[in-house]
N, C-alpha and C. Protein backbone atom coordinates (compact mmCIF):
# COMPACT_ATOMS: atom_id res chain seq x y z
N UNK A 1 11.34 -10.25 -9.53
CA UNK A 1 11.64 -8.97 -10.12
C UNK A 1 11.08 -7.84 -9.26
N UNK A 2 11.80 -6.75 -9.16
CA UNK A 2 11.34 -5.59 -8.40
C UNK A 2 10.33 -4.78 -9.20
N UNK A 3 9.50 -4.08 -8.49
CA UNK A 3 8.47 -3.27 -9.13
C UNK A 3 9.07 -2.16 -9.98
N UNK A 4 10.22 -1.64 -9.62
CA UNK A 4 10.79 -0.50 -10.35
C UNK A 4 11.22 -0.87 -11.76
N UNK A 5 11.28 -2.14 -12.09
CA UNK A 5 11.64 -2.54 -13.45
C UNK A 5 10.49 -2.33 -14.42
N UNK A 6 9.35 -1.95 -13.90
CA UNK A 6 8.18 -1.77 -14.74
C UNK A 6 7.87 -0.31 -14.99
N UNK A 7 8.91 0.54 -15.04
CA UNK A 7 8.72 1.96 -15.26
C UNK A 7 7.89 2.25 -16.51
N UNK A 8 8.14 1.59 -17.65
CA UNK A 8 7.31 1.89 -18.82
C UNK A 8 5.82 1.63 -18.58
N UNK A 9 5.50 0.57 -17.85
CA UNK A 9 4.10 0.28 -17.56
C UNK A 9 3.53 1.35 -16.64
N UNK A 10 4.30 1.71 -15.63
CA UNK A 10 3.82 2.74 -14.71
C UNK A 10 3.63 4.06 -15.42
N UNK A 11 4.53 4.39 -16.33
CA UNK A 11 4.39 5.66 -17.04
C UNK A 11 3.16 5.67 -17.94
N UNK A 12 2.69 4.49 -18.32
CA UNK A 12 1.47 4.45 -19.13
C UNK A 12 0.27 4.99 -18.36
N UNK A 13 0.39 5.00 -17.02
CA UNK A 13 -0.68 5.58 -16.21
C UNK A 13 -0.80 7.08 -16.44
N UNK A 14 0.23 7.70 -16.99
CA UNK A 14 0.19 9.14 -17.22
C UNK A 14 -1.04 9.54 -18.03
N UNK A 15 -1.49 8.63 -18.86
CA UNK A 15 -2.60 8.94 -19.74
C UNK A 15 -3.94 8.51 -19.17
N UNK A 16 -3.93 7.99 -17.98
CA UNK A 16 -5.15 7.60 -17.29
C UNK A 16 -5.58 8.74 -16.39
N UNK A 17 -6.88 8.95 -16.27
CA UNK A 17 -7.33 10.02 -15.38
C UNK A 17 -7.32 9.52 -13.95
N UNK A 18 -6.92 10.38 -13.04
CA UNK A 18 -6.92 10.08 -11.61
C UNK A 18 -8.06 10.83 -10.96
N UNK A 19 -8.56 10.35 -9.82
CA UNK A 19 -9.63 11.06 -9.15
C UNK A 19 -9.16 12.44 -8.69
N UNK A 20 -10.09 13.32 -8.52
CA UNK A 20 -9.78 14.67 -8.05
C UNK A 20 -9.21 14.61 -6.64
N UNK A 21 -8.33 15.56 -6.33
CA UNK A 21 -7.72 15.62 -5.01
C UNK A 21 -8.82 15.78 -3.97
N UNK A 22 -9.02 14.74 -3.17
CA UNK A 22 -10.14 14.74 -2.23
C UNK A 22 -9.71 15.08 -0.81
N UNK A 23 -8.43 15.04 -0.53
CA UNK A 23 -7.93 15.28 0.81
C UNK A 23 -7.31 16.66 0.87
N UNK A 24 -7.08 17.14 2.04
CA UNK A 24 -6.41 18.40 2.26
C UNK A 24 -5.05 18.36 1.57
N UNK A 25 -4.74 19.38 0.77
CA UNK A 25 -3.49 19.42 0.02
C UNK A 25 -2.27 19.34 0.93
N UNK A 26 -2.40 19.73 2.19
CA UNK A 26 -1.27 19.63 3.11
C UNK A 26 -0.88 18.19 3.39
N UNK A 27 -1.75 17.24 3.07
CA UNK A 27 -1.45 15.83 3.28
C UNK A 27 -0.65 15.23 2.12
N UNK A 28 -0.27 16.07 1.14
CA UNK A 28 0.45 15.60 -0.03
C UNK A 28 1.76 16.35 -0.19
N UNK A 29 2.73 15.67 -0.78
CA UNK A 29 3.98 16.33 -1.14
C UNK A 29 4.27 16.03 -2.60
N UNK A 30 4.90 16.97 -3.26
CA UNK A 30 5.30 16.76 -4.64
C UNK A 30 6.61 15.99 -4.63
N UNK A 31 6.64 14.88 -5.35
CA UNK A 31 7.82 14.02 -5.39
C UNK A 31 8.09 13.68 -6.85
N UNK A 32 9.35 13.76 -7.25
CA UNK A 32 9.68 13.40 -8.63
C UNK A 32 9.43 11.91 -8.85
N UNK A 33 9.20 11.56 -10.10
CA UNK A 33 8.99 10.14 -10.40
C UNK A 33 10.24 9.34 -10.06
N UNK A 34 11.42 9.94 -10.26
CA UNK A 34 12.67 9.26 -9.92
C UNK A 34 12.74 8.95 -8.43
N UNK A 35 12.36 9.92 -7.60
CA UNK A 35 12.38 9.71 -6.15
C UNK A 35 11.36 8.65 -5.74
N UNK A 36 10.17 8.70 -6.33
CA UNK A 36 9.13 7.73 -6.00
C UNK A 36 9.56 6.31 -6.36
N UNK A 37 10.04 6.12 -7.60
CA UNK A 37 10.46 4.80 -8.04
C UNK A 37 11.72 4.36 -7.28
N UNK A 38 12.57 5.32 -6.93
CA UNK A 38 13.75 5.00 -6.13
C UNK A 38 13.37 4.47 -4.77
N UNK A 39 12.35 5.06 -4.18
CA UNK A 39 11.88 4.61 -2.87
C UNK A 39 11.36 3.17 -2.95
N UNK A 40 10.61 2.86 -4.01
CA UNK A 40 10.13 1.48 -4.16
C UNK A 40 11.29 0.52 -4.34
N UNK A 41 12.28 0.93 -5.12
CA UNK A 41 13.45 0.08 -5.35
C UNK A 41 14.23 -0.13 -4.05
N UNK A 42 14.43 0.94 -3.30
CA UNK A 42 15.16 0.84 -2.03
C UNK A 42 14.43 -0.07 -1.05
N UNK A 43 13.11 0.05 -0.98
CA UNK A 43 12.32 -0.79 -0.07
C UNK A 43 12.43 -2.25 -0.47
N UNK A 44 12.23 -2.52 -1.76
CA UNK A 44 12.30 -3.90 -2.24
C UNK A 44 13.69 -4.50 -2.03
N UNK A 45 14.73 -3.73 -2.32
CA UNK A 45 16.10 -4.23 -2.16
C UNK A 45 16.44 -4.47 -0.69
N UNK A 46 16.05 -3.55 0.18
CA UNK A 46 16.32 -3.73 1.61
C UNK A 46 15.62 -4.99 2.13
N UNK A 47 14.37 -5.20 1.71
CA UNK A 47 13.64 -6.38 2.15
C UNK A 47 14.32 -7.65 1.61
N UNK A 48 14.68 -7.63 0.34
CA UNK A 48 15.32 -8.80 -0.26
C UNK A 48 16.63 -9.14 0.44
N UNK A 49 17.31 -8.13 0.96
CA UNK A 49 18.57 -8.33 1.68
C UNK A 49 18.37 -8.52 3.18
N UNK A 50 17.14 -8.75 3.57
CA UNK A 50 16.77 -8.99 4.97
C UNK A 50 17.15 -7.83 5.90
N UNK A 51 17.16 -6.63 5.35
CA UNK A 51 17.40 -5.42 6.13
C UNK A 51 16.05 -4.82 6.48
N UNK A 52 15.31 -5.55 7.29
CA UNK A 52 13.92 -5.20 7.58
C UNK A 52 13.78 -3.84 8.27
N UNK A 53 14.75 -3.50 9.12
CA UNK A 53 14.68 -2.21 9.80
C UNK A 53 14.82 -1.05 8.82
N UNK A 54 15.46 -1.26 7.69
CA UNK A 54 15.55 -0.25 6.63
C UNK A 54 14.34 -0.31 5.71
N UNK A 55 13.85 -1.50 5.44
CA UNK A 55 12.72 -1.68 4.53
C UNK A 55 11.42 -1.15 5.11
N UNK A 56 11.21 -1.40 6.41
CA UNK A 56 9.92 -1.06 7.01
C UNK A 56 9.54 0.42 6.83
N UNK A 57 10.39 1.40 7.19
CA UNK A 57 9.96 2.80 7.04
C UNK A 57 9.74 3.20 5.58
N UNK A 58 10.44 2.56 4.66
CA UNK A 58 10.25 2.87 3.24
C UNK A 58 8.90 2.33 2.77
N UNK A 59 8.59 1.09 3.16
CA UNK A 59 7.28 0.54 2.81
C UNK A 59 6.16 1.33 3.50
N UNK A 60 6.42 1.76 4.72
CA UNK A 60 5.41 2.54 5.43
C UNK A 60 5.12 3.85 4.68
N UNK A 61 6.17 4.50 4.20
CA UNK A 61 5.98 5.75 3.45
C UNK A 61 5.18 5.48 2.19
N UNK A 62 5.49 4.41 1.49
CA UNK A 62 4.77 4.05 0.27
C UNK A 62 3.33 3.62 0.57
N UNK A 63 3.14 2.93 1.69
CA UNK A 63 1.79 2.51 2.09
C UNK A 63 0.93 3.73 2.39
N UNK A 64 1.49 4.71 3.05
CA UNK A 64 0.75 5.96 3.31
C UNK A 64 0.40 6.66 2.01
N UNK A 65 1.24 6.50 1.00
CA UNK A 65 0.98 7.09 -0.31
C UNK A 65 -0.15 6.38 -1.03
N UNK A 66 -0.53 5.19 -0.53
CA UNK A 66 -1.63 4.44 -1.13
C UNK A 66 -1.20 3.27 -1.98
N UNK A 67 0.11 2.97 -2.02
CA UNK A 67 0.62 1.87 -2.82
C UNK A 67 0.15 0.54 -2.22
N UNK A 68 -0.65 -0.19 -2.95
CA UNK A 68 -1.27 -1.42 -2.44
C UNK A 68 -0.25 -2.52 -2.14
N UNK A 69 0.77 -2.67 -2.99
CA UNK A 69 1.79 -3.69 -2.72
C UNK A 69 2.53 -3.37 -1.42
N UNK A 70 2.78 -2.10 -1.16
CA UNK A 70 3.47 -1.70 0.07
C UNK A 70 2.56 -1.87 1.28
N UNK A 71 1.27 -1.63 1.10
CA UNK A 71 0.33 -1.85 2.21
C UNK A 71 0.30 -3.33 2.58
N UNK A 72 0.28 -4.19 1.57
CA UNK A 72 0.30 -5.63 1.84
C UNK A 72 1.63 -6.04 2.47
N UNK A 73 2.72 -5.44 2.02
CA UNK A 73 4.02 -5.75 2.61
C UNK A 73 4.08 -5.31 4.06
N UNK A 74 3.51 -4.15 4.39
CA UNK A 74 3.44 -3.73 5.79
C UNK A 74 2.68 -4.76 6.61
N UNK A 75 1.55 -5.22 6.07
CA UNK A 75 0.79 -6.26 6.76
C UNK A 75 1.64 -7.48 7.02
N UNK A 76 2.36 -7.92 6.01
CA UNK A 76 3.23 -9.09 6.15
C UNK A 76 4.31 -8.85 7.21
N UNK A 77 4.91 -7.66 7.19
CA UNK A 77 5.99 -7.36 8.13
C UNK A 77 5.46 -7.26 9.55
N UNK A 78 4.25 -6.72 9.72
CA UNK A 78 3.65 -6.71 11.06
C UNK A 78 3.37 -8.12 11.55
N UNK A 79 2.83 -8.98 10.69
CA UNK A 79 2.55 -10.36 11.08
C UNK A 79 3.82 -11.10 11.46
N UNK A 80 4.90 -10.84 10.74
CA UNK A 80 6.15 -11.57 10.95
C UNK A 80 7.10 -10.90 11.94
N UNK A 81 6.78 -9.66 12.32
CA UNK A 81 7.69 -8.92 13.20
C UNK A 81 9.00 -8.57 12.51
N UNK A 82 8.93 -8.26 11.23
CA UNK A 82 10.13 -7.92 10.46
C UNK A 82 10.28 -6.40 10.42
N UNK A 83 11.27 -5.87 11.12
CA UNK A 83 11.52 -4.44 11.12
C UNK A 83 10.60 -3.65 12.03
N UNK A 84 9.72 -4.36 12.72
CA UNK A 84 8.73 -3.75 13.60
C UNK A 84 8.29 -4.82 14.60
N UNK A 85 7.79 -4.38 15.74
CA UNK A 85 7.26 -5.35 16.70
C UNK A 85 6.08 -6.09 16.08
N UNK A 86 6.03 -7.40 16.29
CA UNK A 86 4.93 -8.19 15.74
C UNK A 86 3.61 -7.66 16.27
N UNK A 87 2.65 -7.47 15.36
CA UNK A 87 1.35 -6.94 15.72
C UNK A 87 0.34 -7.45 14.71
N UNK A 88 -0.35 -8.53 15.05
CA UNK A 88 -1.31 -9.15 14.12
C UNK A 88 -2.45 -8.21 13.77
N UNK A 89 -2.86 -7.40 14.72
CA UNK A 89 -3.95 -6.45 14.48
C UNK A 89 -3.55 -5.45 13.39
N UNK A 90 -2.36 -4.85 13.52
CA UNK A 90 -1.91 -3.90 12.50
C UNK A 90 -1.69 -4.62 11.16
N UNK A 91 -1.19 -5.84 11.21
CA UNK A 91 -1.01 -6.62 9.99
C UNK A 91 -2.32 -6.80 9.26
N UNK A 92 -3.36 -7.18 10.01
CA UNK A 92 -4.68 -7.35 9.41
C UNK A 92 -5.18 -6.04 8.82
N UNK A 93 -5.04 -4.95 9.55
CA UNK A 93 -5.55 -3.65 9.07
C UNK A 93 -4.90 -3.24 7.75
N UNK A 94 -3.59 -3.43 7.64
CA UNK A 94 -2.92 -3.03 6.40
C UNK A 94 -3.31 -3.94 5.25
N UNK A 95 -3.49 -5.24 5.50
CA UNK A 95 -3.98 -6.11 4.44
C UNK A 95 -5.41 -5.72 4.04
N UNK A 96 -6.20 -5.33 5.01
CA UNK A 96 -7.58 -4.91 4.74
C UNK A 96 -7.59 -3.70 3.81
N UNK A 97 -6.72 -2.72 4.05
CA UNK A 97 -6.65 -1.55 3.17
C UNK A 97 -6.14 -1.96 1.79
N UNK A 98 -5.14 -2.82 1.73
CA UNK A 98 -4.62 -3.28 0.44
C UNK A 98 -5.70 -4.01 -0.35
N UNK A 99 -6.56 -4.74 0.35
CA UNK A 99 -7.59 -5.54 -0.33
C UNK A 99 -8.70 -4.69 -0.93
N UNK A 100 -8.67 -3.39 -0.67
CA UNK A 100 -9.61 -2.48 -1.33
C UNK A 100 -9.47 -2.64 -2.85
N UNK A 101 -8.24 -2.84 -3.31
CA UNK A 101 -8.00 -3.12 -4.71
C UNK A 101 -8.26 -4.60 -4.91
N UNK A 102 -9.07 -4.93 -5.87
CA UNK A 102 -9.51 -6.31 -6.07
C UNK A 102 -8.38 -7.16 -6.65
N UNK A 103 -7.48 -7.57 -5.76
CA UNK A 103 -6.36 -8.43 -6.15
C UNK A 103 -6.51 -9.72 -5.35
N UNK A 104 -6.55 -10.87 -6.02
CA UNK A 104 -6.86 -12.13 -5.34
C UNK A 104 -6.01 -12.43 -4.10
N UNK A 105 -4.70 -12.19 -4.15
CA UNK A 105 -3.87 -12.53 -3.00
C UNK A 105 -4.26 -11.69 -1.78
N UNK A 106 -4.52 -10.41 -1.98
CA UNK A 106 -4.88 -9.54 -0.86
C UNK A 106 -6.24 -9.94 -0.29
N UNK A 107 -7.19 -10.18 -1.16
CA UNK A 107 -8.53 -10.58 -0.71
C UNK A 107 -8.50 -11.92 0.00
N UNK A 108 -7.75 -12.87 -0.54
CA UNK A 108 -7.67 -14.21 0.08
C UNK A 108 -7.04 -14.12 1.47
N UNK A 109 -6.02 -13.28 1.62
CA UNK A 109 -5.37 -13.12 2.92
C UNK A 109 -6.36 -12.55 3.93
N UNK A 110 -7.11 -11.53 3.53
CA UNK A 110 -8.09 -10.92 4.43
C UNK A 110 -9.17 -11.93 4.80
N UNK A 111 -9.67 -12.67 3.83
CA UNK A 111 -10.70 -13.68 4.11
C UNK A 111 -10.20 -14.75 5.08
N UNK A 112 -8.95 -15.16 4.89
CA UNK A 112 -8.38 -16.18 5.78
C UNK A 112 -8.28 -15.65 7.21
N UNK A 113 -7.84 -14.42 7.36
CA UNK A 113 -7.74 -13.82 8.70
C UNK A 113 -9.13 -13.69 9.31
N UNK A 114 -10.06 -13.16 8.52
CA UNK A 114 -11.42 -12.93 9.04
C UNK A 114 -12.12 -14.23 9.40
N UNK A 115 -11.73 -15.33 8.76
CA UNK A 115 -12.38 -16.61 9.06
C UNK A 115 -12.07 -17.11 10.47
N UNK A 116 -10.99 -16.61 11.08
CA UNK A 116 -10.64 -17.05 12.43
C UNK A 116 -11.00 -16.00 13.49
N UNK A 117 -11.55 -14.88 13.07
CA UNK A 117 -11.96 -13.85 14.02
C UNK A 117 -13.41 -14.05 14.42
N UNK A 118 -13.72 -13.72 15.64
CA UNK A 118 -15.10 -13.80 16.09
C UNK A 118 -15.88 -12.61 15.54
N UNK A 119 -17.20 -12.71 15.61
CA UNK A 119 -18.06 -11.60 15.16
C UNK A 119 -17.77 -10.35 15.98
N UNK A 120 -17.50 -10.52 17.25
CA UNK A 120 -17.19 -9.37 18.11
C UNK A 120 -15.88 -8.71 17.70
N UNK A 121 -14.87 -9.54 17.39
CA UNK A 121 -13.59 -9.00 16.94
C UNK A 121 -13.75 -8.26 15.62
N UNK A 122 -14.47 -8.86 14.69
CA UNK A 122 -14.69 -8.20 13.41
C UNK A 122 -15.37 -6.85 13.58
N UNK A 123 -16.36 -6.83 14.45
CA UNK A 123 -17.07 -5.57 14.70
C UNK A 123 -16.14 -4.55 15.35
N UNK A 124 -15.33 -5.00 16.30
CA UNK A 124 -14.40 -4.11 16.99
C UNK A 124 -13.32 -3.59 16.03
N UNK A 125 -12.87 -4.41 15.10
CA UNK A 125 -11.82 -4.02 14.16
C UNK A 125 -12.36 -3.11 13.06
N UNK A 126 -13.65 -3.13 12.81
CA UNK A 126 -14.23 -2.40 11.68
C UNK A 126 -13.93 -0.91 11.73
N UNK A 127 -14.05 -0.28 12.88
CA UNK A 127 -13.81 1.16 12.97
C UNK A 127 -12.36 1.50 12.66
N UNK A 128 -11.43 0.70 13.17
CA UNK A 128 -10.01 0.95 12.89
C UNK A 128 -9.70 0.72 11.41
N UNK A 129 -10.28 -0.32 10.84
CA UNK A 129 -10.06 -0.59 9.41
C UNK A 129 -10.62 0.55 8.57
N UNK A 130 -11.78 1.05 8.93
CA UNK A 130 -12.38 2.15 8.19
C UNK A 130 -11.54 3.42 8.31
N UNK A 131 -11.02 3.69 9.49
CA UNK A 131 -10.18 4.88 9.70
C UNK A 131 -8.91 4.78 8.85
N UNK A 132 -8.28 3.62 8.81
CA UNK A 132 -7.07 3.45 8.01
C UNK A 132 -7.40 3.57 6.53
N UNK A 133 -8.52 2.99 6.13
CA UNK A 133 -8.96 3.09 4.74
C UNK A 133 -9.24 4.55 4.37
N UNK A 134 -9.89 5.28 5.26
CA UNK A 134 -10.19 6.69 4.98
C UNK A 134 -8.93 7.53 4.86
N UNK A 135 -7.86 7.13 5.53
CA UNK A 135 -6.60 7.86 5.45
C UNK A 135 -5.73 7.42 4.28
N UNK A 136 -5.74 6.13 3.96
CA UNK A 136 -4.77 5.61 2.99
C UNK A 136 -5.38 4.78 1.87
N UNK A 137 -6.67 4.84 1.70
CA UNK A 137 -7.32 4.14 0.60
C UNK A 137 -7.11 4.88 -0.72
N UNK A 138 -7.58 4.30 -1.79
CA UNK A 138 -7.40 4.88 -3.13
C UNK A 138 -7.98 6.28 -3.22
N UNK A 139 -9.16 6.49 -2.72
CA UNK A 139 -9.79 7.80 -2.82
C UNK A 139 -9.01 8.85 -2.03
N UNK A 140 -8.56 8.52 -0.83
CA UNK A 140 -7.86 9.48 0.02
C UNK A 140 -6.48 9.84 -0.54
N UNK A 141 -5.84 8.90 -1.21
CA UNK A 141 -4.46 9.11 -1.67
C UNK A 141 -4.37 9.47 -3.14
N UNK A 142 -5.47 9.37 -3.88
CA UNK A 142 -5.48 9.64 -5.32
C UNK A 142 -4.52 8.73 -6.08
N UNK A 143 -4.41 7.51 -5.61
CA UNK A 143 -3.53 6.52 -6.23
C UNK A 143 -4.31 5.79 -7.31
N UNK A 144 -3.65 5.46 -8.39
CA UNK A 144 -4.24 4.68 -9.46
C UNK A 144 -3.49 3.37 -9.55
N UNK A 145 -4.21 2.25 -9.48
CA UNK A 145 -3.56 0.94 -9.44
C UNK A 145 -4.11 0.04 -10.53
N UNK A 146 -3.25 -0.84 -11.01
CA UNK A 146 -3.63 -1.84 -12.01
C UNK A 146 -2.88 -3.13 -11.72
N UNK A 147 -3.46 -4.25 -12.18
CA UNK A 147 -2.80 -5.55 -12.07
C UNK A 147 -1.90 -5.75 -13.28
N UNK A 148 -0.74 -6.37 -13.04
CA UNK A 148 0.20 -6.64 -14.12
C UNK A 148 0.86 -7.99 -13.90
N UNK A 149 1.49 -8.47 -14.96
CA UNK A 149 2.24 -9.71 -14.90
C UNK A 149 3.71 -9.38 -14.63
N UNK A 150 4.32 -10.09 -13.69
CA UNK A 150 5.73 -9.87 -13.40
C UNK A 150 6.64 -10.55 -14.42
N UNK A 151 6.09 -11.51 -15.19
CA UNK A 151 6.94 -12.26 -16.10
C UNK A 151 7.02 -11.64 -17.49
N UNK A 152 5.92 -11.16 -17.99
CA UNK A 152 5.90 -10.57 -19.32
C UNK A 152 4.67 -9.69 -19.45
N UNK A 153 4.78 -8.69 -20.26
CA UNK A 153 3.67 -7.77 -20.45
C UNK A 153 2.50 -8.41 -21.18
N UNK A 154 2.76 -9.48 -21.94
CA UNK A 154 1.69 -10.12 -22.70
C UNK A 154 1.03 -11.27 -21.95
N UNK A 155 1.52 -11.59 -20.79
CA UNK A 155 0.98 -12.71 -20.03
C UNK A 155 -0.41 -12.38 -19.50
N UNK A 156 -1.25 -13.40 -19.45
CA UNK A 156 -2.59 -13.25 -18.87
C UNK A 156 -2.57 -13.45 -17.36
N UNK A 157 -1.44 -13.92 -16.82
CA UNK A 157 -1.31 -14.16 -15.38
C UNK A 157 -0.91 -12.86 -14.71
N UNK A 158 -1.86 -12.24 -14.06
CA UNK A 158 -1.62 -10.97 -13.38
C UNK A 158 -1.27 -11.27 -11.93
N UNK A 159 0.03 -11.15 -11.58
CA UNK A 159 0.47 -11.56 -10.27
C UNK A 159 1.07 -10.42 -9.44
N UNK A 160 0.85 -9.19 -9.87
CA UNK A 160 1.34 -8.06 -9.09
C UNK A 160 0.47 -6.84 -9.32
N UNK A 161 0.51 -5.93 -8.37
CA UNK A 161 -0.24 -4.68 -8.45
C UNK A 161 0.76 -3.54 -8.54
N UNK A 162 0.57 -2.70 -9.53
CA UNK A 162 1.40 -1.51 -9.69
C UNK A 162 0.52 -0.28 -9.51
N UNK A 163 0.99 0.65 -8.69
CA UNK A 163 0.22 1.86 -8.40
C UNK A 163 1.05 3.09 -8.72
N UNK A 164 0.38 4.15 -9.09
CA UNK A 164 1.04 5.41 -9.37
C UNK A 164 0.22 6.55 -8.77
N UNK A 165 0.89 7.51 -8.14
CA UNK A 165 0.17 8.66 -7.57
C UNK A 165 -0.32 9.61 -8.66
N UNK A 166 -1.17 10.52 -8.27
CA UNK A 166 -1.68 11.55 -9.18
C UNK A 166 -0.50 12.41 -9.64
N UNK A 167 -0.51 12.73 -10.92
CA UNK A 167 0.55 13.56 -11.49
C UNK A 167 0.11 15.02 -11.44
N UNK A 168 1.01 15.85 -10.96
CA UNK A 168 0.74 17.28 -10.93
C UNK A 168 2.04 18.00 -11.28
N UNK A 169 2.00 18.80 -12.32
CA UNK A 169 3.21 19.47 -12.76
C UNK A 169 4.22 18.45 -13.25
N UNK A 170 5.43 18.55 -12.75
CA UNK A 170 6.49 17.66 -13.21
C UNK A 170 6.70 16.47 -12.28
N UNK A 171 5.82 16.29 -11.32
CA UNK A 171 6.01 15.19 -10.39
C UNK A 171 4.70 14.56 -9.95
N UNK A 172 4.82 13.72 -8.95
CA UNK A 172 3.67 13.04 -8.37
C UNK A 172 3.23 13.76 -7.11
N UNK A 173 1.94 13.76 -6.86
CA UNK A 173 1.41 14.23 -5.59
C UNK A 173 1.28 12.99 -4.70
N UNK A 174 2.19 12.87 -3.75
CA UNK A 174 2.30 11.67 -2.93
C UNK A 174 1.72 11.95 -1.55
N UNK A 175 0.76 11.14 -1.18
CA UNK A 175 0.09 11.31 0.12
C UNK A 175 1.08 11.03 1.25
N UNK A 176 1.06 11.88 2.25
CA UNK A 176 1.94 11.73 3.41
C UNK A 176 1.28 10.83 4.45
N UNK A 177 2.07 10.33 5.36
CA UNK A 177 1.54 9.65 6.53
C UNK A 177 0.97 10.74 7.44
N UNK A 178 -0.22 10.50 7.94
CA UNK A 178 -0.86 11.51 8.80
C UNK A 178 -0.90 10.98 10.23
N UNK A 179 -0.74 11.90 11.16
CA UNK A 179 -0.84 11.52 12.57
C UNK A 179 -2.30 11.27 12.90
N UNK A 180 -2.53 10.16 13.52
CA UNK A 180 -3.89 9.79 13.90
C UNK A 180 -3.91 9.41 15.37
N UNK A 181 -5.10 9.40 15.92
CA UNK A 181 -5.26 8.96 17.31
C UNK A 181 -4.79 7.52 17.40
N UNK A 182 -4.18 7.14 18.50
CA UNK A 182 -3.74 5.75 18.65
C UNK A 182 -4.91 4.78 18.52
N UNK A 183 -4.65 3.67 17.88
CA UNK A 183 -5.67 2.64 17.70
C UNK A 183 -5.67 1.73 18.91
N UNK A 184 -6.84 1.51 19.46
CA UNK A 184 -6.97 0.61 20.61
C UNK A 184 -7.25 -0.78 20.07
N UNK A 185 -6.44 -1.73 20.47
CA UNK A 185 -6.60 -3.11 20.02
C UNK A 185 -7.66 -3.78 20.86
N UNK A 186 -8.77 -4.21 20.21
CA UNK A 186 -9.81 -4.93 20.95
C UNK A 186 -9.31 -6.27 21.44
N UNK A 187 -9.88 -6.75 22.53
CA UNK A 187 -9.49 -8.06 23.07
C UNK A 187 -10.37 -9.14 22.56
């Protein structure tokens, strides 16, 4: 099932408090809920139809907004070279940012990757991971995330993460992708 089918659950976030806008307001754009959910639907549908070149920029936009499922999907697409040149380093970094939210699949993926990295590699990757986290983590993006069940709302099996941006006025304040210095891949 696609994430956009859970609109009622996502709208329940309206009554949850979001952190105060911590980043420069120029890093955010006002987006209607229809446009935001449409983007998630388009990304999921393009990926499901193996249109990776169309899915990647949509997931990237959502990942910059702080959506944890999209950050994990970017990691997966970088590892697999789907819609983008294969880049294990970038794949790891995006999974690392997604794992900020305590979701077992994201954490397990990061632990598995880190188990094969040397101490030197982990140390070298730390600055890049921190920079990405500072740009697209929950605090920077004002995203609110919760675990949910894809099968039923009453299920105890939480197998997906749903995130919603901070609400302002009649729309969402969606974090933009920011230009950053190029990341140097350690050897």
